[in-house]
């Protein structure tokens, strides 16, 4: 779990973010989600000065574009948001392959989905589908996942509460999200912040070198991918890790199997030689054959035992 925040006008200091407590007892926020490029209110946007201070404190940035509440609707709006957002964050140094989360900052209903999907399609036409992220409640996130309209998912607990069979209500988190916004209105260093947690090693962050992603996050991402339900698409940020992991498994398997394969091949050669002798009518000593096969089998078993050790 990687903890972070998002905020608008009032900014906590990087030192305060580094000292802020997390629910699991750890200390320090690792990322901030910041606005840029909507053209609605530049006073709440990420600036070069703020970014440099965050990076100096090893706090990564995540990009978000948000206009007026409910404003991210329709194809042309999506294009406009994407152009403005990409330009803003690129000017700050964001790499071209980093996503932007677009805010569906309202309780999206089925009747809203066509316009929201059109906006996501418009953003994809400008910035590529792989760079399109969505912020929203449960329904919006699940629809984006189902249709592939976005590839990065930031879910808020707002608009994500559902009634349970026992009549109670609780927040339902969609599977496969990258970031969860789990609490609003928390004061850090006097600034009004929302609390977030990233569930994958790559959640769209930038500005801080990759080695700052902790090892446990990488392990968690790999574990989650290996246990993902069949047919469920991988979060795009994990694809590179998956490829490296599969390559590692392939290479390690090859190393383990090489001596076993050699021993088995020798066994097959010995058996083939005996068969050839029998087929050609040459007298074969049964005891010698048994000894040869037993020796070859013992070599194969020894090779296997050498590779399979307790605790390995």
Protein backbone atom coordinates (compact mmCIF):
# COMPACT_ATOMS: atom_id res chain seq x y z
CA UNK A 1 0.00 0.00 0.00
CA UNK A 2 1.34 3.41 -0.99
CA UNK A 3 -0.25 6.41 0.71
CA UNK A 4 -0.76 9.84 -0.80
CA UNK A 5 -3.03 12.88 -0.86
CA UNK A 6 -4.76 15.28 -3.19
CA UNK A 7 -5.46 18.95 -2.53
CA UNK A 8 -6.34 22.16 -4.34
CA UNK A 9 -5.67 25.71 -3.13
CA UNK A 10 -4.03 25.26 0.26
CA UNK A 11 -0.80 23.25 0.15
CA UNK A 12 0.79 21.27 2.96
CA UNK A 13 4.58 21.48 3.07
CA UNK A 14 6.56 18.49 1.81
CA UNK A 15 7.98 18.09 5.33
CA UNK A 16 4.46 17.82 6.75
CA UNK A 17 3.53 15.25 4.11
CA UNK A 18 6.62 13.21 4.97
CA UNK A 19 5.65 13.30 8.64
CA UNK A 20 1.93 12.53 8.17
CA UNK A 21 0.68 9.29 9.69
CA UNK A 22 -0.92 6.48 7.69
CA UNK A 23 -3.65 4.02 8.75
CA UNK A 24 -1.21 1.08 8.86
CA UNK A 25 1.05 2.82 11.36
CA UNK A 26 3.65 3.95 8.83
CA UNK A 27 4.61 7.57 8.30
CA UNK A 28 4.85 9.63 5.14
CA UNK A 29 2.89 10.35 1.98
CA UNK A 30 4.57 9.09 -1.19
CA UNK A 31 2.55 10.96 -3.80
CA UNK A 32 0.20 13.85 -4.42
CA UNK A 33 -2.49 14.02 -7.08
CA UNK A 34 -2.50 17.53 -8.51
CA UNK A 35 -4.62 19.52 -10.91
CA UNK A 36 -3.48 20.97 -14.19
CA UNK A 37 -4.74 22.32 -17.47
CA UNK A 38 -8.50 22.56 -17.17
CA UNK A 39 -8.54 26.30 -17.80
CA UNK A 40 -11.19 26.78 -15.11
CA UNK A 41 -9.09 27.96 -12.16
CA UNK A 42 -5.33 28.08 -12.61
CA UNK A 43 -4.82 29.09 -8.98
CA UNK A 44 -5.26 25.49 -7.85
CA UNK A 45 -2.93 23.98 -10.47
CA UNK A 46 0.43 22.34 -9.93
CA UNK A 47 3.32 24.73 -10.50
CA UNK A 48 6.99 24.20 -11.27
CA UNK A 49 7.99 25.53 -7.86
CA UNK A 50 5.67 23.22 -5.97
CA UNK A 51 6.74 20.26 -8.09
CA UNK A 52 10.43 20.88 -7.44
CA UNK A 53 9.81 20.96 -3.69
CA UNK A 54 7.85 17.71 -3.83
CA UNK A 55 10.51 15.95 -5.89
CA UNK A 56 13.24 17.14 -3.53
CA UNK A 57 11.30 15.38 -0.76
CA UNK A 58 10.91 12.19 -2.85
CA UNK A 59 7.18 12.73 -3.25
CA UNK A 60 5.82 11.81 -6.68
CA UNK A 61 3.18 13.64 -8.68
CA UNK A 62 0.05 12.17 -10.27
CA UNK A 63 -1.82 14.20 -12.89
CA UNK A 64 -5.49 15.11 -12.75
CA UNK A 65 -7.64 17.38 -14.92
CA UNK A 66 -10.91 18.62 -13.48
CA UNK A 67 -13.21 21.35 -14.71
CA UNK A 68 -16.58 22.28 -13.31
CA UNK A 69 -18.55 19.58 -11.53
CA UNK A 70 -20.15 17.49 -14.24
CA UNK A 71 -18.19 19.28 -16.96
CA UNK A 72 -16.37 16.25 -18.34
CA UNK A 73 -19.08 15.27 -20.81
CA UNK A 74 -19.00 14.84 -24.57
CA UNK A 75 -16.33 14.17 -27.16
CA UNK A 76 -15.19 17.77 -27.65
CA UNK A 77 -14.90 18.31 -23.89
CA UNK A 78 -12.71 15.24 -23.66
CA UNK A 79 -10.45 16.55 -26.41
CA UNK A 80 -10.19 19.95 -24.79
CA UNK A 81 -9.38 18.50 -21.36
CA UNK A 82 -6.71 16.24 -22.85
CA UNK A 83 -5.02 19.00 -24.88
CA UNK A 84 -4.95 21.42 -21.97
CA UNK A 85 -3.89 18.79 -19.46
CA UNK A 86 -1.12 17.29 -21.56
CA UNK A 87 0.26 20.71 -22.38
CA UNK A 88 0.23 21.81 -18.74
CA UNK A 89 1.91 18.74 -17.31
CA UNK A 90 4.35 18.32 -20.19
CA UNK A 91 5.58 21.86 -19.56
CA UNK A 92 6.34 20.73 -16.01
CA UNK A 93 8.35 17.77 -17.26
CA UNK A 94 5.84 14.92 -17.19
CA UNK A 95 6.89 12.13 -19.61
CA UNK A 96 4.61 11.42 -22.56
CA UNK A 97 3.80 7.91 -21.30
CA UNK A 98 2.29 9.04 -18.01
CA UNK A 99 -1.52 9.05 -17.71
CA UNK A 100 -3.90 11.81 -16.77
CA UNK A 101 -6.91 11.07 -14.59
CA UNK A 102 -10.00 12.97 -15.74
CA UNK A 103 -12.57 13.77 -13.07
CA UNK A 104 -16.15 12.59 -13.28
CA UNK A 105 -16.83 14.59 -10.14
CA UNK A 106 -20.49 13.73 -9.70
CA UNK A 107 -22.65 10.71 -8.98
CA UNK A 108 -22.63 9.21 -12.46
CA UNK A 109 -25.85 7.43 -13.38
CA UNK A 110 -26.60 5.10 -16.32
CA UNK A 111 -28.08 8.00 -18.24
CA UNK A 112 -24.82 9.93 -17.85
CA UNK A 113 -22.58 7.19 -19.14
CA UNK A 114 -22.86 7.84 -22.91
CA UNK A 115 -21.68 11.44 -22.46
CA UNK A 116 -18.93 10.42 -20.06
CA UNK A 117 -17.72 7.67 -22.38
CA UNK A 118 -17.73 10.16 -25.26
CA UNK A 119 -15.49 12.45 -23.19
CA UNK A 120 -13.10 9.59 -22.49
CA UNK A 121 -13.09 8.74 -26.19
CA UNK A 122 -12.32 12.37 -27.00
CA UNK A 123 -9.40 12.37 -24.57
CA UNK A 124 -8.13 9.12 -26.10
CA UNK A 125 -8.23 10.65 -29.58
CA UNK A 126 -5.76 13.30 -28.40
CA UNK A 127 -3.58 11.45 -25.92
CA UNK A 128 -3.95 7.74 -26.70
CA UNK A 129 -6.19 5.33 -24.86
CA UNK A 130 -3.32 4.06 -22.72
CA UNK A 131 -2.90 7.51 -21.16
CA UNK A 132 -6.56 7.95 -20.21
CA UNK A 133 -7.47 7.65 -16.54
CA UNK A 134 -10.77 8.23 -14.77
CA UNK A 135 -11.64 9.55 -11.32
CA UNK A 136 -15.12 8.74 -10.12
CA UNK A 137 -17.44 6.61 -8.05
CA UNK A 138 -18.11 2.89 -8.27
CA UNK A 139 -20.49 2.93 -11.25
CA UNK A 140 -18.29 5.19 -13.38
CA UNK A 141 -15.17 3.16 -12.66
CA UNK A 142 -16.83 -0.17 -13.37
CA UNK A 143 -18.29 1.10 -16.63
CA UNK A 144 -14.89 2.39 -17.75
CA UNK A 145 -13.34 -0.97 -16.90
CA UNK A 146 -16.07 -2.93 -18.65
CA UNK A 147 -15.87 -0.91 -21.86
CA UNK A 148 -12.14 -0.19 -21.84
CA UNK A 149 -12.89 3.52 -22.16
CA UNK A 150 -10.13 4.28 -19.62
CA UNK A 151 -7.05 2.33 -18.62
CA UNK A 152 -6.26 3.92 -15.26
CA UNK A 153 -8.74 4.02 -12.38
CA UNK A 154 -8.92 6.33 -9.38
CA UNK A 155 -12.03 5.56 -7.33
CA UNK A 156 -13.49 7.79 -4.65
CA UNK A 157 -15.43 6.40 -1.72
CA UNK A 158 -18.00 9.05 -2.54
CA UNK A 159 -20.77 7.60 -4.73
CA UNK A 160 -19.43 4.12 -3.96
CA UNK A 161 -21.66 3.14 -1.02
CA UNK A 162 -24.01 0.23 -1.66
CA UNK A 163 -26.70 -1.47 0.38
CA UNK A 164 -25.75 -4.90 1.69
CA UNK A 165 -27.98 -7.99 2.09
CA UNK A 166 -28.25 -7.32 5.83
CA UNK A 167 -29.60 -3.84 5.15
CA UNK A 168 -26.42 -2.01 6.08
CA UNK A 169 -24.46 0.27 3.76
CA UNK A 170 -20.77 0.14 3.03
CA UNK A 171 -18.24 1.37 0.50
CA UNK A 172 -17.67 -1.09 -2.34
CA UNK A 173 -14.29 -0.89 -4.06
CA UNK A 174 -14.02 -1.95 -7.68
CA UNK A 175 -11.43 -4.60 -8.49
CA UNK A 176 -8.42 -3.46 -10.49
CA UNK A 177 -8.31 0.17 -9.37
CA UNK A 178 -4.96 1.92 -9.17
CA UNK A 179 -5.83 4.53 -6.52
CA UNK A 180 -8.55 4.72 -3.88
CA UNK A 181 -9.61 8.01 -2.33
CA UNK A 182 -10.79 6.82 1.05
CA UNK A 183 -11.30 10.00 3.07
CA UNK A 184 -11.92 13.72 2.46
CA UNK A 185 -11.32 16.89 4.41
CA UNK A 186 -8.28 15.96 6.51
CA UNK A 187 -6.04 18.78 7.73
CA UNK A 188 -2.30 18.40 7.13
CA UNK A 189 -0.15 21.39 7.98
CA UNK A 190 -3.35 23.46 7.99
CA UNK A 191 -4.20 22.45 4.41
CA UNK A 192 -7.41 20.68 3.44
CA UNK A 193 -6.41 17.29 1.98
CA UNK A 194 -8.09 14.16 0.71
CA UNK A 195 -6.44 10.86 1.60
CA UNK A 196 -5.56 8.29 -1.05
CA UNK A 197 -3.86 4.92 -1.30
CA UNK A 198 -2.29 3.37 -4.38
CA UNK A 199 -2.79 -0.37 -4.79
CA UNK A 200 -0.31 -1.00 -7.60
CA UNK A 201 3.39 -0.26 -7.97
CA UNK A 202 2.67 1.87 -11.03
CA UNK A 203 -0.35 4.10 -10.54
CA UNK A 204 0.65 6.83 -12.99
CA UNK A 205 3.17 8.65 -10.79
CA UNK A 206 6.06 10.69 -12.16
CA UNK A 207 8.77 13.11 -11.06
CA UNK A 208 10.43 10.69 -8.66
CA UNK A 209 12.80 8.02 -9.90
CA UNK A 210 11.44 4.51 -10.22
CA UNK A 211 13.69 3.16 -7.46
CA UNK A 212 11.63 5.14 -4.96
CA UNK A 213 8.77 2.68 -5.46
CA UNK A 214 9.18 0.33 -2.48
CA UNK A 215 9.87 -3.36 -3.03
CA UNK A 216 6.75 -4.48 -1.18
CA UNK A 217 4.59 -2.56 -3.67
CA UNK A 218 6.24 -4.42 -6.54
CA UNK A 219 5.73 -7.76 -4.80
CA UNK A 220 2.08 -6.88 -4.12
CA UNK A 221 1.51 -5.89 -7.75
CA UNK A 222 2.99 -9.16 -8.99
CA UNK A 223 1.03 -11.21 -6.46
CA UNK A 224 -2.23 -9.50 -7.39
CA UNK A 225 -1.58 -10.10 -11.07
CA UNK A 226 -0.81 -13.80 -10.58
CA UNK A 227 -4.04 -14.23 -8.63
CA UNK A 228 -6.17 -12.13 -10.97
CA UNK A 229 -9.33 -13.77 -12.23
CA UNK A 230 -8.95 -15.31 -15.70
CA UNK A 231 -10.02 -12.94 -18.42
CA UNK A 232 -9.60 -9.81 -16.30
CA UNK A 233 -7.29 -7.34 -18.07
CA UNK A 234 -4.11 -6.40 -16.25
CA UNK A 235 -3.72 -2.82 -15.12
CA UNK A 236 -1.42 -1.33 -17.78
CA UNK A 237 1.06 -0.12 -15.22
CA UNK A 238 1.84 -3.69 -14.23
CA UNK A 239 2.59 -4.97 -17.72
CA UNK A 240 6.31 -4.22 -17.56
CA UNK A 241 6.62 -5.92 -14.19
CA UNK A 242 4.71 -8.93 -15.45
CA UNK A 243 6.98 -9.27 -18.44
CA UNK A 244 10.10 -9.11 -16.27
CA UNK A 245 8.62 -11.58 -13.80
CA UNK A 246 7.72 -14.06 -16.53
CA UNK A 247 11.18 -13.70 -18.01
CA UNK A 248 12.71 -14.38 -14.60
CA UNK A 249 10.55 -17.48 -14.10
CA UNK A 250 11.41 -18.70 -17.60
CA UNK A 251 15.16 -18.28 -17.04
CA UNK A 252 15.11 -19.82 -13.58
CA UNK A 253 13.04 -22.77 -14.81
CA UNK A 254 15.47 -23.34 -17.63
CA UNK A 255 18.36 -23.35 -15.17
CA UNK A 256 16.65 -25.89 -12.92
CA UNK A 257 15.55 -28.17 -15.74
CA UNK A 258 18.82 -28.22 -17.67
CA UNK A 259 20.61 -30.91 -15.57
CA UNK A 260 17.39 -32.90 -15.27
CA UNK A 261 16.95 -32.85 -19.03
CA UNK A 262 20.55 -34.00 -19.49
CA UNK A 263 20.06 -36.97 -17.15
CA UNK A 264 16.79 -37.97 -18.79
CA UNK A 265 18.40 -37.71 -22.21
CA UNK A 266 21.16 -40.06 -21.05
CA UNK A 267 18.56 -42.51 -19.81
CA UNK A 268 16.78 -42.44 -23.14
CA UNK A 269 20.07 -43.01 -24.96
CA UNK A 270 20.85 -46.05 -22.81
CA UNK A 271 17.40 -47.52 -23.40
CA UNK A 272 17.66 -46.81 -27.14
CA UNK A 273 21.05 -48.57 -27.25
CA UNK A 274 19.59 -51.67 -25.58
CA UNK A 275 16.65 -51.68 -28.01
CA UNK A 276 19.05 -51.45 -30.96
CA UNK A 277 21.08 -54.38 -29.67
CA UNK A 278 17.96 -56.48 -29.22
CA UNK A 279 16.65 -55.54 -32.65
CA UNK A 280 19.93 -56.50 -34.32
CA UNK A 281 20.00 -59.91 -32.66
CA UNK A 282 23.00 -59.18 -30.49
CA UNK A 283 22.98 -61.13 -27.24
CA UNK A 284 22.19 -58.84 -24.33
CA UNK A 285 23.08 -59.55 -20.70
CA UNK A 286 19.89 -58.83 -18.74
CA UNK A 287 21.88 -58.00 -15.60
CA UNK A 288 24.03 -55.47 -17.48
CA UNK A 289 20.90 -53.88 -18.96
CA UNK A 290 19.27 -53.64 -15.54
CA UNK A 291 22.42 -52.11 -14.07
CA UNK A 292 22.72 -49.56 -16.88
CA UNK A 293 19.09 -48.48 -16.58
CA UNK A 294 19.30 -48.31 -12.78
CA UNK A 295 22.41 -46.13 -13.00
CA UNK A 296 20.77 -43.77 -15.50
CA UNK A 297 17.62 -43.53 -13.37
CA UNK A 298 19.68 -42.77 -10.28
CA UNK A 299 21.43 -39.95 -12.16
CA UNK A 300 18.09 -38.49 -13.21
CA UNK A 301 16.69 -38.75 -9.67
CA UNK A 302 19.84 -37.18 -8.22
CA UNK A 303 19.58 -34.29 -10.69
CA UNK A 304 15.99 -33.68 -9.70
CA UNK A 305 16.77 -33.94 -5.98
CA UNK A 306 19.61 -31.45 -6.35
CA UNK A 307 17.21 -28.87 -7.78
CA UNK A 308 14.33 -29.43 -5.39
CA UNK A 309 15.57 -28.56 -1.92
CA UNK A 310 13.54 -28.01 1.27
CA UNK A 311 12.57 -24.35 1.60
CA UNK A 312 13.45 -23.49 -2.01
